[in-house]
C-alpha atoms as a PDB file:
ATOM      1  CA  MET A   1       4.886  -8.557 -30.284  1.00  0.00           C
ATOM      2  CA  ASN A   2       8.596  -7.872 -29.879  1.00  0.00           C
ATOM      3  CA  LEU A   3       9.073  -6.825 -26.283  1.00  0.00           C
ATOM      4  CA  GLU A   4      11.578  -4.143 -25.350  1.00  0.00           C
ATOM      5  CA  LYS A   5      14.290  -4.796 -22.781  1.00  0.00           C
ATOM      6  CA  ASN A   6      12.509  -2.839 -20.045  1.00  0.00           C
ATOM      7  CA  GLN A   7       9.303  -4.817 -20.702  1.00  0.00           C
ATOM      8  CA  ILE A   8      11.164  -8.108 -20.371  1.00  0.00           C
ATOM      9  CA  GLU A   9      12.677  -6.915 -17.090  1.00  0.00           C
ATOM     10  CA  LEU A  10       9.233  -5.950 -15.872  1.00  0.00           C
ATOM     11  CA  ILE A  11       7.870  -9.437 -16.604  1.00  0.00           C
ATOM     12  CA  LYS A  12      10.828 -10.879 -14.694  1.00  0.00           C
ATOM     13  CA  GLY A  13       9.950  -8.602 -11.784  1.00  0.00           C
ATOM     14  CA  LEU A  14       6.324  -9.721 -11.792  1.00  0.00           C
ATOM     15  CA  SER A  15       7.400 -13.355 -11.855  1.00  0.00           C
ATOM     16  CA  LYS A  16       9.814 -12.765  -8.984  1.00  0.00           C
ATOM     17  CA  ILE A  17       7.118 -11.405  -6.659  1.00  0.00           C
ATOM     18  CA  ASP A  18       4.688 -14.212  -7.684  1.00  0.00           C
ATOM     19  CA  ALA A  19       2.226 -11.810  -9.292  1.00  0.00           C
ATOM     20  CA  LEU A  20       1.937 -14.308 -12.159  1.00  0.00           C
ATOM     21  CA  GLN A  21       0.722 -17.754 -11.128  1.00  0.00           C
ATOM     22  CA  PHE A  22      -0.238 -20.785 -13.198  1.00  0.00           C
ATOM     23  CA  GLY A  23      -2.535 -23.666 -12.285  1.00  0.00           C
ATOM     24  CA  LEU A  24      -6.321 -23.697 -11.878  1.00  0.00           C
ATOM     25  CA  PHE A  25      -7.965 -20.594 -10.431  1.00  0.00           C
ATOM     26  CA  THR A  26     -11.549 -19.409 -10.053  1.00  0.00           C
ATOM     27  CA  LEU A  27     -11.877 -15.752 -10.983  1.00  0.00           C
ATOM     28  CA  SER A  28     -14.236 -13.184  -9.475  1.00  0.00           C
ATOM     29  CA  ASN A  29     -16.629 -13.670 -12.418  1.00  0.00           C
ATOM     30  CA  GLY A  30     -16.840 -17.390 -11.643  1.00  0.00           C
ATOM     31  CA  LYS A  31     -14.791 -18.560 -14.621  1.00  0.00           C
ATOM     32  CA  VAL A  32     -11.963 -21.064 -14.198  1.00  0.00           C
ATOM     33  CA  SER A  33      -8.613 -19.876 -15.524  1.00  0.00           C
ATOM     34  CA  PRO A  34      -5.251 -21.636 -16.033  1.00  0.00           C
ATOM     35  CA  TYR A  35      -3.456 -18.570 -14.671  1.00  0.00           C
ATOM     36  CA  TYR A  36      -3.913 -15.789 -12.154  1.00  0.00           C
ATOM     37  CA  VAL A  37      -2.476 -12.282 -12.231  1.00  0.00           C
ATOM     38  CA  ASP A  38      -2.339 -10.670  -8.798  1.00  0.00           C
ATOM     39  CA  LEU A  39      -1.241  -7.065  -9.175  1.00  0.00           C
ATOM     40  CA  LYS A  40      -2.783  -6.124  -5.825  1.00  0.00           C
ATOM     41  CA  ILE A  41       0.470  -7.232  -4.197  1.00  0.00           C
ATOM     42  CA  ALA A  42       2.641  -4.980  -6.385  1.00  0.00           C
ATOM     43  CA  PRO A  43       2.451  -1.880  -4.125  1.00  0.00           C
ATOM     44  CA  SER A  44       4.086  -4.005  -1.404  1.00  0.00           C
ATOM     45  CA  PHE A  45       7.175  -4.195  -3.648  1.00  0.00           C
ATOM     46  CA  PRO A  46       8.251  -0.582  -4.281  1.00  0.00           C
ATOM     47  CA  ASP A  47      10.626  -1.326  -7.167  1.00  0.00           C
ATOM     48  CA  THR A  48       8.070  -3.371  -9.111  1.00  0.00           C
ATOM     49  CA  PHE A  49       5.299  -0.901  -8.310  1.00  0.00           C
ATOM     50  CA  ARG A  50       7.450   1.956  -9.605  1.00  0.00           C
ATOM     51  CA  ASP A  51       8.271   0.034 -12.785  1.00  0.00           C
ATOM     52  CA  ILE A  52       4.590  -0.671 -13.478  1.00  0.00           C
ATOM     53  CA  CYS A  53       3.664   2.975 -12.948  1.00  0.00           C
ATOM     54  CA  ASP A  54       6.564   4.136 -15.123  1.00  0.00           C
ATOM     55  CA  ALA A  55       5.392   1.827 -17.927  1.00  0.00           C
ATOM     56  CA  LEU A  56       1.870   3.240 -17.659  1.00  0.00           C
ATOM     57  CA  VAL A  57       3.211   6.803 -17.712  1.00  0.00           C
ATOM     58  CA  GLN A  58       5.247   6.062 -20.838  1.00  0.00           C
ATOM     59  CA  LYS A  59       2.254   4.438 -22.559  1.00  0.00           C
ATOM     60  CA  ILE A  60      -0.012   7.358 -21.752  1.00  0.00           C
ATOM     61  CA  THR A  61       2.525  10.009 -22.717  1.00  0.00           C
ATOM     62  CA  ASN A  62       3.511   8.380 -26.014  1.00  0.00           C
ATOM     63  CA  GLU A  63       0.221   6.907 -27.222  1.00  0.00           C
ATOM     64  CA  VAL A  64      -2.689   8.641 -25.489  1.00  0.00           C
ATOM     65  CA  GLY A  65      -1.182  12.111 -25.329  1.00  0.00           C
ATOM     66  CA  MET A  66      -1.243  14.495 -22.396  1.00  0.00           C
ATOM     67  CA  GLU A  67      -3.516  16.871 -24.258  1.00  0.00           C
ATOM     68  CA  SER A  68      -6.192  14.181 -24.680  1.00  0.00           C
ATOM     69  CA  PHE A  69      -7.449  14.164 -21.086  1.00  0.00           C
ATOM     70  CA  ASP A  70      -7.940  16.449 -18.102  1.00  0.00           C
ATOM     71  CA  ARG A  71      -8.181  13.975 -15.220  1.00  0.00           C
ATOM     72  CA  ILE A  72      -7.263  10.398 -14.339  1.00  0.00           C
ATOM     73  CA  ALA A  73      -9.649   7.980 -12.638  1.00  0.00           C
ATOM     74  CA  GLY A  74      -8.756   4.724 -10.911  1.00  0.00           C
ATOM     75  CA  ILE A  75     -10.959   1.618 -11.006  1.00  0.00           C
ATOM     76  CA  PRO A  76     -11.662  -0.168  -7.703  1.00  0.00           C
ATOM     77  CA  ILE A  77      -9.936  -1.816  -6.106  1.00  0.00           C
ATOM     78  CA  ALA A  78      -6.632  -2.852  -7.646  1.00  0.00           C
ATOM     79  CA  GLY A  79      -6.478  -0.054 -10.229  1.00  0.00           C
ATOM     80  CA  ILE A  80      -6.638   2.767  -7.678  1.00  0.00           C
ATOM     81  CA  PRO A  81      -3.034   2.744  -6.339  1.00  0.00           C
ATOM     82  CA  PHE A  82      -1.604   2.635  -9.870  1.00  0.00           C
ATOM     83  CA  ALA A  83      -3.886   5.397 -11.133  1.00  0.00           C
ATOM     84  CA  SER A  84      -3.081   7.549  -8.111  1.00  0.00           C
ATOM     85  CA  GLN A  85       0.680   7.289  -8.644  1.00  0.00           C
ATOM     86  CA  VAL A  86       0.383   7.822 -12.405  1.00  0.00           C
ATOM     87  CA  ALA A  87      -1.767  10.915 -11.865  1.00  0.00           C
ATOM     88  CA  TYR A  88       0.846  12.244  -9.442  1.00  0.00           C
ATOM     89  CA  ASN A  89       3.678  11.570 -11.892  1.00  0.00           C
ATOM     90  CA  LEU A  90       1.801  13.242 -14.746  1.00  0.00           C
ATOM     91  CA  ARG A  91       0.599  16.144 -12.585  1.00  0.00           C
ATOM     92  CA  LYS A  92      -3.018  15.395 -13.455  1.00  0.00           C
ATOM     93  CA  PRO A  93      -5.971  15.614 -11.008  1.00  0.00           C
ATOM     94  CA  PHE A  94      -6.963  12.219  -9.595  1.00  0.00           C
ATOM     95  CA  LEU A  95     -10.411  10.686  -9.202  1.00  0.00           C
ATOM     96  CA  TYR A  96     -11.582   7.238  -8.244  1.00  0.00           C
ATOM     97  CA  VAL A  97     -14.763   5.385  -9.016  1.00  0.00           C
ATOM     98  CA  ARG A  98     -16.643   3.612  -6.244  1.00  0.00           C
ATOM     99  CA  LYS A  99     -18.111   0.132  -6.702  1.00  0.00           C
ATOM    100  CA  GLY A 100     -21.474   1.479  -5.624  1.00  0.00           C
ATOM    101  CA  VAL A 101     -23.137   4.784  -4.806  1.00  0.00           C
ATOM    102  CA  LYS A 102     -22.167   6.259  -1.443  1.00  0.00           C
ATOM    103  CA  LEU A 103     -25.320   6.652   0.626  1.00  0.00           C
ATOM    104  CA  GLN A 104     -23.975   9.466   2.779  1.00  0.00           C
ATOM    105  CA  GLY A 105     -22.805  12.984   1.974  1.00  0.00           C
ATOM    106  CA  ARG A 106     -22.927  13.798  -1.752  1.00  0.00           C
ATOM    107  CA  GLU A 107     -24.032  10.258  -2.680  1.00  0.00           C
ATOM    108  CA  ARG A 108     -21.681  10.098  -5.664  1.00  0.00           C
ATOM    109  CA  ARG A 109     -19.982   7.170  -7.395  1.00  0.00           C
ATOM    110  CA  VAL A 110     -17.042   9.301  -8.512  1.00  0.00           C
ATOM    111  CA  GLU A 111     -14.895  10.703  -5.727  1.00  0.00           C
ATOM    112  CA  GLY A 112     -12.936  13.867  -6.426  1.00  0.00           C
ATOM    113  CA  ILE A 113     -13.590  17.081  -8.319  1.00  0.00           C
ATOM    114  CA  LEU A 114     -15.161  16.538 -11.724  1.00  0.00           C
ATOM    115  CA  SER A 115     -16.751  19.295 -13.791  1.00  0.00           C
ATOM    116  CA  SER A 116     -19.098  18.713 -16.699  1.00  0.00           C
ATOM    117  CA  GLY A 117     -17.261  18.373 -19.985  1.00  0.00           C
ATOM    118  CA  GLU A 118     -13.906  17.333 -18.507  1.00  0.00           C
ATOM    119  CA  ARG A 119     -12.147  14.425 -20.228  1.00  0.00           C
ATOM    120  CA  VAL A 120     -11.265  11.502 -17.976  1.00  0.00           C
ATOM    121  CA  LEU A 121      -8.700   8.764 -18.656  1.00  0.00           C
ATOM    122  CA  LEU A 122      -9.507   5.473 -16.891  1.00  0.00           C
ATOM    123  CA  ILE A 123      -6.699   3.315 -15.496  1.00  0.00           C
ATOM    124  CA  ASP A 124      -6.980  -0.274 -14.271  1.00  0.00           C
ATOM    125  CA  ASP A 125      -4.559  -3.070 -13.482  1.00  0.00           C
ATOM    126  CA  LEU A 126      -6.247  -5.767 -15.608  1.00  0.00           C
ATOM    127  CA  VAL A 127      -8.981  -6.006 -18.173  1.00  0.00           C
ATOM    128  CA  THR A 128     -10.838  -9.288 -18.651  1.00  0.00           C
ATOM    129  CA  THR A 129     -14.390  -8.861 -19.918  1.00  0.00           C
ATOM    130  CA  GLY A 130     -14.177  -5.062 -19.772  1.00  0.00           C
ATOM    131  CA  PHE A 131     -17.342  -4.701 -17.695  1.00  0.00           C
ATOM    132  CA  SER A 132     -15.635  -2.992 -14.724  1.00  0.00           C
ATOM    133  CA  LEU A 133     -14.168  -0.337 -17.006  1.00  0.00           C
ATOM    134  CA  LYS A 134     -17.455  -0.038 -18.898  1.00  0.00           C
ATOM    135  CA  GLU A 135     -19.345   0.553 -15.629  1.00  0.00           C
ATOM    136  CA  ALA A 136     -16.739   3.069 -14.512  1.00  0.00           C
ATOM    137  CA  ALA A 137     -17.061   4.951 -17.808  1.00  0.00           C
ATOM    138  CA  SER A 138     -20.825   5.016 -17.337  1.00  0.00           C
ATOM    139  CA  ALA A 139     -20.438   6.370 -13.786  1.00  0.00           C
ATOM    140  CA  VAL A 140     -18.092   9.150 -14.922  1.00  0.00           C
ATOM    141  CA  ARG A 141     -20.359  10.046 -17.830  1.00  0.00           C
ATOM    142  CA  SER A 142     -23.388  10.189 -15.532  1.00  0.00           C
ATOM    143  CA  GLU A 143     -21.622  12.944 -13.595  1.00  0.00           C
ATOM    144  CA  GLY A 144     -20.802  14.966 -16.687  1.00  0.00           C
ATOM    145  CA  GLY A 145     -17.364  13.606 -17.552  1.00  0.00           C
ATOM    146  CA  ILE A 146     -16.243  12.520 -21.000  1.00  0.00           C
ATOM    147  CA  VAL A 147     -14.575   9.108 -21.313  1.00  0.00           C
ATOM    148  CA  CYS A 148     -12.961   8.077 -24.585  1.00  0.00           C
ATOM    149  CA  GLU A 149      -9.868   6.151 -23.493  1.00  0.00           C
ATOM    150  CA  ALA A 150      -8.709   3.642 -20.892  1.00  0.00           C
ATOM    151  CA  VAL A 151      -5.349   2.045 -20.144  1.00  0.00           C
ATOM    152  CA  ALA A 152      -4.794  -1.272 -18.376  1.00  0.00           C
ATOM    153  CA  PHE A 153      -1.521  -2.879 -17.444  1.00  0.00           C
ATOM    154  CA  ILE A 154      -2.459  -6.358 -18.720  1.00  0.00           C
ATOM    155  CA  ASP A 155      -5.167  -7.342 -21.184  1.00  0.00           C
ATOM    156  CA  ARG A 156      -6.310 -10.921 -20.534  1.00  0.00           C
ATOM    157  CA  GLU A 157      -7.642 -11.011 -24.114  1.00  0.00           C
ATOM    158  CA  GLU A 158     -11.101 -12.194 -23.139  1.00  0.00           C
ATOM    159  CA  GLY A 159     -13.182  -9.728 -25.124  1.00  0.00           C
ATOM    160  CA  GLY A 160     -12.736  -6.660 -22.924  1.00  0.00           C
ATOM    161  CA  LYS A 161     -11.287  -4.515 -25.683  1.00  0.00           C
ATOM    162  CA  SER A 162     -14.259  -5.164 -27.977  1.00  0.00           C
ATOM    163  CA  ILE A 163     -16.792  -4.552 -25.194  1.00  0.00           C
ATOM    164  CA  LEU A 164     -15.187  -1.195 -24.411  1.00  0.00           C
ATOM    165  CA  GLU A 165     -14.983  -0.154 -28.057  1.00  0.00           C
ATOM    166  CA  GLU A 166     -18.714  -0.813 -28.374  1.00  0.00           C
ATOM    167  CA  SER A 167     -19.288   1.651 -25.525  1.00  0.00           C
ATOM    168  CA  GLY A 168     -17.043   4.276 -27.096  1.00  0.00           C
ATOM    169  CA  VAL A 169     -13.891   3.634 -25.060  1.00  0.00           C
ATOM    170  CA  LYS A 170     -10.555   2.863 -26.726  1.00  0.00           C
ATOM    171  CA  LEU A 171      -8.416   0.465 -24.677  1.00  0.00           C
ATOM    172  CA  GLY A 172      -4.639   0.480 -24.540  1.00  0.00           C
ATOM    173  CA  SER A 173      -2.502  -1.972 -22.562  1.00  0.00           C
ATOM    174  CA  ILE A 174       1.135  -2.512 -21.680  1.00  0.00           C
ATOM    175  CA  PHE A 175       0.935  -6.279 -22.164  1.00  0.00           C
ATOM    176  CA  LYS A 176      -1.360  -8.916 -23.607  1.00  0.00           C
ATOM    177  CA  ILE A 177      -1.385 -12.089 -21.547  1.00  0.00           C
ATOM    178  CA  SER A 178      -0.288 -14.126 -24.588  1.00  0.00           C
ATOM    179  CA  ASP A 179       2.890 -12.028 -24.876  1.00  0.00           C
ATOM    180  CA  VAL A 180       3.558 -12.420 -21.147  1.00  0.00           C
ATOM    181  CA  ALA A 181       3.137 -16.193 -21.356  1.00  0.00           C
ATOM    182  CA  LYS A 182       5.427 -16.457 -24.390  1.00  0.00           C
ATOM    183  CA  GLU A 183       8.135 -14.418 -22.672  1.00  0.00           C
ATOM    184  CA  LEU A 184       7.918 -16.514 -19.501  1.00  0.00           C
ATOM    185  CA  TYR A 185       8.272 -19.603 -21.686  1.00  0.00           C
ATOM    186  CA  GLU A 186      11.384 -18.141 -23.302  1.00  0.00           C
ATOM    187  CA  MET A 187      12.779 -17.451 -19.822  1.00  0.00           C
ATOM    188  CA  GLY A 188      12.178 -21.056 -18.800  1.00  0.00           C
ATOM    189  CA  SER A 189       9.629 -20.000 -16.181  1.00  0.00           C
ATOM    190  CA  LEU A 190       6.728 -21.668 -18.004  1.00  0.00           C
ATOM    191  CA  ASP A 191       6.627 -25.172 -19.435  1.00  0.00           C
ATOM    192  CA  ASP A 192       5.153 -26.330 -22.760  1.00  0.00           C
ATOM    193  CA  GLU A 193       1.907 -27.560 -21.266  1.00  0.00           C
ATOM    194  CA  CYS A 194       1.205 -24.321 -19.374  1.00  0.00           C
ATOM    195  CA  LEU A 195       1.952 -22.220 -22.441  1.00  0.00           C
ATOM    196  CA  LYS A 196      -0.357 -24.338 -24.602  1.00  0.00           C
ATOM    197  CA  THR A 197      -3.133 -24.073 -22.001  1.00  0.00           C
ATOM    198  CA  VAL A 198      -2.875 -20.283 -21.754  1.00  0.00           C
ATOM    199  CA  MET A 199      -2.752 -19.849 -25.528  1.00  0.00           C
ATOM    200  CA  ALA A 200      -5.727 -22.201 -25.948  1.00  0.00           C
ATOM    201  CA  GLN A 201      -7.786 -20.087 -23.555  1.00  0.00           C
ATOM    202  CA  VAL A 202      -6.856 -16.908 -25.399  1.00  0.00           C
ATOM    203  CA  LYS A 203      -7.828 -18.516 -28.711  1.00  0.00           C
ATOM    204  CA  MET A 204     -11.109 -19.777 -27.273  1.00  0.00           C
ATOM    205  CA  SER A 205     -11.934 -16.342 -25.822  1.00  0.00           C
ATOM    206  CA  LYS A 206     -11.254 -14.618 -29.134  1.00  0.00           C
ATOM    207  CA  LYS A 207     -13.440 -17.147 -30.949  1.00  0.00           C
ATOM    208  CA  ALA A 208     -16.266 -16.621 -28.445  1.00  0.00           C
ATOM    209  CA  THR A 209     -15.999 -12.850 -28.862  1.00  0.00           C
ATOM    210  CA  LYS A 210     -16.472 -13.107 -32.624  1.00  0.00           C
ATOM    211  CA  VAL A 211     -19.603 -15.243 -32.306  1.00  0.00           C
END
């Protein structure tokens, strides 16, 4: 993937705020990873947050198409601030999906106004296995919405895209983690060993997905 100048600057921005870390990390799914992407801190850095949202807006406008969806839904927790800002920028109604059913009031998993038959675009910060987005799509569909597409900022390339395609959701992303790692290496922000470790994990994940 040949990155554009604005994409390279965005990776530099993420590196500067320490949103991209390398070492040994235990993820929420229990897996050990040689890197960690923490986009939850991005809203605390207005310039970087704006750049991420602008990249998502451009991706959606150019590749998804404004006519392809009626509403935007954010995935808890980290995806919500990005989805909210993108919805505002695109002048699209905003929804968000809860992690569980609310036991008071309307007892819904999808917060916001959603009518049967409306098309909903899902937005998240990261996609790993794809299960969070898959569950969100299921929640929206259970309330009458139609979900055919999702956009994430970074795809960790661990089978999420395939999982979503199997459930009828096409995934788009701004970056693949392999492209991010390669660019950081070119910048001198990542050494040979770290790059090899990240690329080995990506290769192993792709092999596991095909099995």
